[in-house]
């Protein structure tokens, strides 16, 4: 495994021998994430998908 940091999200590359082994490793990695890391990843994905000024979904559903 070697960590790679791209856009402040650390990505780890791991080679697996089987799909089952890869799935288990993915699950372990997801369970090991802290809530802050999950939020950071969600923000990075949102910025990648919507690079412009996108409204926060919570703003659309607030009572007026």
PDB file of N, CA and C in Angstrom:
ATOM      1  N   UNK A   1       0.837  -1.185   0.000  1.00  0.00           N
ATOM      2  CA  UNK A   1       0.000   0.000   0.000  1.00  0.00           C
ATOM      3  C   UNK A   1       0.878   1.243   0.000  1.00  0.00           C
ATOM      4  N   UNK A   2       0.450   2.225  -0.758  1.00  0.00           N
ATOM      5  CA  UNK A   2       1.155   3.498  -0.711  1.00  0.00           C
ATOM      6  C   UNK A   2       0.127   4.617  -0.748  1.00  0.00           C
ATOM      7  N   UNK A   3       0.175   5.495   0.218  1.00  0.00           N
ATOM      8  CA  UNK A   3      -0.787   6.596   0.256  1.00  0.00           C
ATOM      9  C   UNK A   3      -0.452   7.659  -0.775  1.00  0.00           C
ATOM     10  N   UNK A   4      -1.493   8.199  -1.384  1.00  0.00           N
ATOM     11  CA  UNK A   4      -1.370   9.285  -2.343  1.00  0.00           C
ATOM     12  C   UNK A   4      -2.344  10.367  -1.908  1.00  0.00           C
ATOM     13  N   UNK A   5      -1.895  11.606  -1.802  1.00  0.00           N
ATOM     14  CA  UNK A   5      -2.788  12.687  -1.408  1.00  0.00           C
ATOM     15  C   UNK A   5      -3.116  13.526  -2.628  1.00  0.00           C
ATOM     16  N   UNK A   6      -4.399  13.583  -2.966  1.00  0.00           N
ATOM     17  CA  UNK A   6      -4.891  14.390  -4.079  1.00  0.00           C
ATOM     18  C   UNK A   6      -6.053  15.215  -3.556  1.00  0.00           C
ATOM     19  N   UNK A   7      -5.962  16.538  -3.689  1.00  0.00           N
ATOM     20  CA  UNK A   7      -7.015  17.433  -3.224  1.00  0.00           C
ATOM     21  C   UNK A   7      -7.352  17.191  -1.756  1.00  0.00           C
ATOM     22  N   UNK A   8      -6.355  17.008  -0.944  1.00  0.00           N
ATOM     23  CA  UNK A   8      -6.456  16.830   0.500  1.00  0.00           C
ATOM     24  C   UNK A   8      -7.185  15.553   0.923  1.00  0.00           C
ATOM     25  N   UNK A   9      -7.414  14.622   0.002  1.00  0.00           N
ATOM     26  CA  UNK A   9      -7.997  13.330   0.351  1.00  0.00           C
ATOM     27  C   UNK A   9      -6.933  12.274   0.079  1.00  0.00           C
ATOM     28  N   UNK A  10      -6.579  11.530   1.092  1.00  0.00           N
ATOM     29  CA  UNK A  10      -5.542  10.513   0.937  1.00  0.00           C
ATOM     30  C   UNK A  10      -6.140   9.272   0.290  1.00  0.00           C
ATOM     31  N   UNK A  11      -5.545   8.871  -0.809  1.00  0.00           N
ATOM     32  CA  UNK A  11      -5.989   7.656  -1.491  1.00  0.00           C
ATOM     33  C   UNK A  11      -4.931   6.588  -1.280  1.00  0.00           C
ATOM     34  N   UNK A  12      -5.379   5.384  -1.002  1.00  0.00           N
ATOM     35  CA  UNK A  12      -4.458   4.278  -0.756  1.00  0.00           C
ATOM     36  C   UNK A  12      -4.687   3.230  -1.835  1.00  0.00           C
ATOM     37  N   UNK A  13      -3.603   2.783  -2.447  1.00  0.00           N
ATOM     38  CA  UNK A  13      -3.674   1.780  -3.501  1.00  0.00           C
ATOM     39  C   UNK A  13      -3.283   0.435  -2.906  1.00  0.00           C
ATOM     40  N   UNK A  14      -4.134  -0.571  -3.133  1.00  0.00           N
ATOM     41  CA  UNK A  14      -3.831  -1.912  -2.637  1.00  0.00           C
ATOM     42  C   UNK A  14      -4.207  -2.914  -3.722  1.00  0.00           C
ATOM     43  N   UNK A  15      -3.327  -3.829  -3.981  1.00  0.00           N
ATOM     44  CA  UNK A  15      -3.612  -4.885  -4.950  1.00  0.00           C
ATOM     45  C   UNK A  15      -4.179  -6.088  -4.202  1.00  0.00           C
ATOM     46  N   UNK A  16      -5.245  -6.640  -4.748  1.00  0.00           N
ATOM     47  CA  UNK A  16      -5.876  -7.811  -4.142  1.00  0.00           C
ATOM     48  C   UNK A  16      -5.808  -8.974  -5.121  1.00  0.00           C
ATOM     49  N   UNK A  17      -5.821 -10.150  -4.571  1.00  0.00           N
ATOM     50  CA  UNK A  17      -5.763 -11.342  -5.434  1.00  0.00           C
ATOM     51  C   UNK A  17      -7.136 -11.740  -5.946  1.00  0.00           C
ATOM     52  N   UNK A  18      -8.181 -11.435  -5.172  1.00  0.00           N
ATOM     53  CA  UNK A  18      -9.538 -11.810  -5.583  1.00  0.00           C
ATOM     54  C   UNK A  18     -10.479 -10.629  -5.374  1.00  0.00           C
ATOM     55  N   UNK A  19     -11.636 -10.697  -6.018  1.00  0.00           N
ATOM     56  CA  UNK A  19     -12.645  -9.656  -5.825  1.00  0.00           C
ATOM     57  C   UNK A  19     -13.164  -9.666  -4.388  1.00  0.00           C
ATOM     58  N   UNK A  20     -13.297 -10.849  -3.813  1.00  0.00           N
ATOM     59  CA  UNK A  20     -13.763 -10.953  -2.428  1.00  0.00           C
ATOM     60  C   UNK A  20     -12.789 -10.256  -1.471  1.00  0.00           C
ATOM     61  N   UNK A  21     -11.501 -10.478  -1.669  1.00  0.00           N
ATOM     62  CA  UNK A  21     -10.494  -9.828  -0.842  1.00  0.00           C
ATOM     63  C   UNK A  21     -10.552  -8.306  -1.010  1.00  0.00           C
ATOM     64  N   UNK A  22     -10.743  -7.850  -2.239  1.00  0.00           N
ATOM     65  CA  UNK A  22     -10.844  -6.410  -2.502  1.00  0.00           C
ATOM     66  C   UNK A  22     -12.078  -5.820  -1.832  1.00  0.00           C
ATOM     67  N   UNK A  23     -13.210  -6.528  -1.908  1.00  0.00           N
ATOM     68  CA  UNK A  23     -14.440  -6.044  -1.267  1.00  0.00           C
ATOM     69  C   UNK A  23     -14.282  -5.954   0.243  1.00  0.00           C
ATOM     70  N   UNK A  24     -13.669  -6.947   0.836  1.00  0.00           N
ATOM     71  CA  UNK A  24     -13.451  -6.925   2.290  1.00  0.00           C
ATOM     72  C   UNK A  24     -12.560  -5.757   2.692  1.00  0.00           C
ATOM     73  N   UNK A  25     -11.508  -5.518   1.910  1.00  0.00           N
ATOM     74  CA  UNK A  25     -10.597  -4.417   2.219  1.00  0.00           C
ATOM     75  C   UNK A  25     -11.317  -3.075   2.093  1.00  0.00           C
ATOM     76  N   UNK A  26     -12.153  -2.924   1.035  1.00  0.00           N
ATOM     77  CA  UNK A  26     -12.927  -1.689   0.867  1.00  0.00           C
ATOM     78  C   UNK A  26     -13.842  -1.440   2.064  1.00  0.00           C
ATOM     79  N   UNK A  27     -14.510  -2.490   2.525  1.00  0.00           N
ATOM     80  CA  UNK A  27     -15.416  -2.358   3.668  1.00  0.00           C
ATOM     81  C   UNK A  27     -14.635  -1.958   4.922  1.00  0.00           C
ATOM     82  N   UNK A  28     -13.499  -2.582   5.142  1.00  0.00           N
ATOM     83  CA  UNK A  28     -12.679  -2.240   6.310  1.00  0.00           C
ATOM     84  C   UNK A  28     -12.227  -0.784   6.250  1.00  0.00           C
ATOM     85  N   UNK A  29     -11.844  -0.325   5.065  1.00  0.00           N
ATOM     86  CA  UNK A  29     -11.403   1.056   4.919  1.00  0.00           C
ATOM     87  C   UNK A  29     -12.546   2.032   5.180  1.00  0.00           C
ATOM     88  N   UNK A  30     -13.734   1.720   4.688  1.00  0.00           N
ATOM     89  CA  UNK A  30     -14.886   2.591   4.914  1.00  0.00           C
ATOM     90  C   UNK A  30     -15.285   2.642   6.383  1.00  0.00           C
ATOM     91  N   UNK A  31     -15.214   1.522   7.059  1.00  0.00           N
ATOM     92  CA  UNK A  31     -15.553   1.489   8.482  1.00  0.00           C
ATOM     93  C   UNK A  31     -14.524   2.239   9.327  1.00  0.00           C
ATOM     94  N   UNK A  32     -13.300   2.317   8.844  1.00  0.00           N
ATOM     95  CA  UNK A  32     -12.238   2.977   9.595  1.00  0.00           C
ATOM     96  C   UNK A  32     -12.267   4.502   9.455  1.00  0.00           C
ATOM     97  N   UNK A  33     -13.053   5.022   8.516  1.00  0.00           N
ATOM     98  CA  UNK A  33     -13.112   6.473   8.316  1.00  0.00           C
ATOM     99  C   UNK A  33     -13.823   7.158   9.481  1.00  0.00           C
ATOM    100  N   UNK A  34     -13.316   8.316   9.851  1.00  0.00           N
ATOM    101  CA  UNK A  34     -13.991   9.121  10.872  1.00  0.00           C
ATOM    102  C   UNK A  34     -15.098   9.928  10.191  1.00  0.00           C
ATOM    103  N   UNK A  35     -16.064  10.420  10.956  1.00  0.00           N
ATOM    104  CA  UNK A  35     -17.101  11.263  10.348  1.00  0.00           C
ATOM    105  C   UNK A  35     -16.518  12.477   9.625  1.00  0.00           C
ATOM    106  N   UNK A  36     -15.462  13.068  10.164  1.00  0.00           N
ATOM    107  CA  UNK A  36     -14.831  14.214   9.518  1.00  0.00           C
ATOM    108  C   UNK A  36     -14.242  13.830   8.166  1.00  0.00           C
ATOM    109  N   UNK A  37     -13.643  12.652   8.092  1.00  0.00           N
ATOM    110  CA  UNK A  37     -13.077  12.193   6.823  1.00  0.00           C
ATOM    111  C   UNK A  37     -14.179  11.947   5.798  1.00  0.00           C
ATOM    112  N   UNK A  38     -15.297  11.393   6.242  1.00  0.00           N
ATOM    113  CA  UNK A  38     -16.414  11.157   5.323  1.00  0.00           C
ATOM    114  C   UNK A  38     -16.959  12.459   4.770  1.00  0.00           C
ATOM    115  N   UNK A  39     -17.076  13.471   5.628  1.00  0.00           N
ATOM    116  CA  UNK A  39     -17.551  14.784   5.178  1.00  0.00           C
ATOM    117  C   UNK A  39     -16.561  15.390   4.190  1.00  0.00           C
ATOM    118  N   UNK A  40     -15.278  15.273   4.490  1.00  0.00           N
ATOM    119  CA  UNK A  40     -14.244  15.806   3.602  1.00  0.00           C
ATOM    120  C   UNK A  40     -14.324  15.143   2.225  1.00  0.00           C
ATOM    121  N   UNK A  41     -14.523  13.842   2.195  1.00  0.00           N
ATOM    122  CA  UNK A  41     -14.637  13.114   0.937  1.00  0.00           C
ATOM    123  C   UNK A  41     -15.890  13.551   0.182  1.00  0.00           C
ATOM    124  N   UNK A  42     -17.002  13.706   0.894  1.00  0.00           N
ATOM    125  CA  UNK A  42     -18.241  14.147   0.251  1.00  0.00           C
ATOM    126  C   UNK A  42     -18.082  15.529  -0.369  1.00  0.00           C
ATOM    127  N   UNK A  43     -17.408  16.431   0.332  1.00  0.00           N
ATOM    128  CA  UNK A  43     -17.169  17.778  -0.206  1.00  0.00           C
ATOM    129  C   UNK A  43     -16.286  17.715  -1.450  1.00  0.00           C
ATOM    130  N   UNK A  44     -15.258  16.878  -1.416  1.00  0.00           N
ATOM    131  CA  UNK A  44     -14.359  16.754  -2.570  1.00  0.00           C
ATOM    132  C   UNK A  44     -15.107  16.203  -3.780  1.00  0.00           C
ATOM    133  N   UNK A  45     -15.971  15.220  -3.555  1.00  0.00           N
ATOM    134  CA  UNK A  45     -16.747  14.652  -4.662  1.00  0.00           C
ATOM    135  C   UNK A  45     -17.748  15.656  -5.222  1.00  0.00           C
ATOM    136  N   UNK A  46     -18.363  16.441  -4.331  1.00  0.00           N
ATOM    137  CA  UNK A  46     -19.310  17.453  -4.787  1.00  0.00           C
ATOM    138  C   UNK A  46     -18.600  18.508  -5.630  1.00  0.00           C
ATOM    139  N   UNK A  47     -17.426  18.939  -5.180  1.00  0.00           N
ATOM    140  CA  UNK A  47     -16.668  19.939  -5.946  1.00  0.00           C
ATOM    141  C   UNK A  47     -16.260  19.392  -7.304  1.00  0.00           C
ATOM    142  N   UNK A  48     -15.940  18.108  -7.364  1.00  0.00           N
ATOM    143  CA  UNK A  48     -15.554  17.497  -8.630  1.00  0.00           C
ATOM    144  C   UNK A  48     -16.748  17.397  -9.579  1.00  0.00           C
ATOM    145  N   UNK A  49     -17.907  17.037  -9.042  1.00  0.00           N
ATOM    146  CA  UNK A  49     -19.097  16.878  -9.879  1.00  0.00           C
ATOM    147  C   UNK A  49     -19.718  18.216 -10.257  1.00  0.00           C
ATOM    148  N   UNK A  50     -19.679  19.188  -9.347  1.00  0.00           N
ATOM    149  CA  UNK A  50     -20.267  20.510  -9.560  1.00  0.00           C
ATOM    150  C   UNK A  50     -19.213  21.571  -9.248  1.00  0.00           C
ATOM    151  N   UNK A  51     -18.293  21.826 -10.189  1.00  0.00           N
ATOM    152  CA  UNK A  51     -17.181  22.736  -9.901  1.00  0.00           C
ATOM    153  C   UNK A  51     -17.592  24.194  -9.728  1.00  0.00           C
ATOM    154  N   UNK A  52     -18.737  24.589 -10.259  1.00  0.00           N
ATOM    155  CA  UNK A  52     -19.172  25.978 -10.125  1.00  0.00           C
ATOM    156  C   UNK A  52     -19.847  26.220  -8.792  1.00  0.00           C
ATOM    157  N   UNK A  53     -20.566  27.320  -8.719  1.00  0.00           N
ATOM    158  CA  UNK A  53     -21.289  27.640  -7.485  1.00  0.00           C
ATOM    159  C   UNK A  53     -22.590  26.851  -7.451  1.00  0.00           C
ATOM    160  N   UNK A  54     -22.570  25.723  -6.797  1.00  0.00           N
ATOM    161  CA  UNK A  54     -23.763  24.901  -6.642  1.00  0.00           C
ATOM    162  C   UNK A  54     -24.375  25.185  -5.275  1.00  0.00           C
ATOM    163  N   UNK A  55     -25.713  25.291  -5.240  1.00  0.00           N
ATOM    164  CA  UNK A  55     -26.395  25.510  -3.962  1.00  0.00           C
ATOM    165  C   UNK A  55     -26.301  24.264  -3.093  1.00  0.00           C
ATOM    166  N   UNK A  56     -26.238  24.487  -1.817  1.00  0.00           N
ATOM    167  CA  UNK A  56     -26.281  23.391  -0.861  1.00  0.00           C
ATOM    168  C   UNK A  56     -27.710  22.866  -0.839  1.00  0.00           C
ATOM    169  N   UNK A  57     -27.893  21.577  -0.905  1.00  0.00           N
ATOM    170  CA  UNK A  57     -29.225  20.970  -0.965  1.00  0.00           C
ATOM    171  C   UNK A  57     -30.072  21.372   0.235  1.00  0.00           C
ATOM    172  N   UNK A  58     -29.432  21.618   1.379  1.00  0.00           N
ATOM    173  CA  UNK A  58     -30.188  22.007   2.566  1.00  0.00           C
ATOM    174  C   UNK A  58     -30.816  23.378   2.385  1.00  0.00           C
ATOM    175  N   UNK A  59     -30.188  24.255   1.603  1.00  0.00           N
ATOM    176  CA  UNK A  59     -30.751  25.572   1.348  1.00  0.00           C
ATOM    177  C   UNK A  59     -32.035  25.487   0.543  1.00  0.00           C
ATOM    178  N   UNK A  60     -32.131  24.521  -0.343  1.00  0.00           N
ATOM    179  CA  UNK A  60     -33.320  24.368  -1.180  1.00  0.00           C
ATOM    180  C   UNK A  60     -34.530  23.903  -0.381  1.00  0.00           C
ATOM    181  N   UNK A  61     -34.307  23.217   0.737  1.00  0.00           N
ATOM    182  CA  UNK A  61     -35.405  22.625   1.506  1.00  0.00           C
ATOM    183  C   UNK A  61     -35.741  23.382   2.793  1.00  0.00           C
ATOM    184  N   UNK A  62     -35.116  24.508   3.017  1.00  0.00           N
ATOM    185  CA  UNK A  62     -35.427  25.295   4.207  1.00  0.00           C
ATOM    186  C   UNK A  62     -36.767  25.992   4.048  1.00  0.00           C
ATOM    187  N   UNK A  63     -37.477  26.084   5.155  1.00  0.00           N
ATOM    188  CA  UNK A  63     -38.775  26.794   5.133  1.00  0.00           C
ATOM    189  C   UNK A  63     -38.550  28.276   4.872  1.00  0.00           C
ATOM    190  N   UNK A  64     -39.426  28.852   4.082  1.00  0.00           N
ATOM    191  CA  UNK A  64     -39.264  30.266   3.717  1.00  0.00           C
ATOM    192  C   UNK A  64     -40.194  31.130   4.478  1.00  0.00           C
TER     193      UNK A  64
END
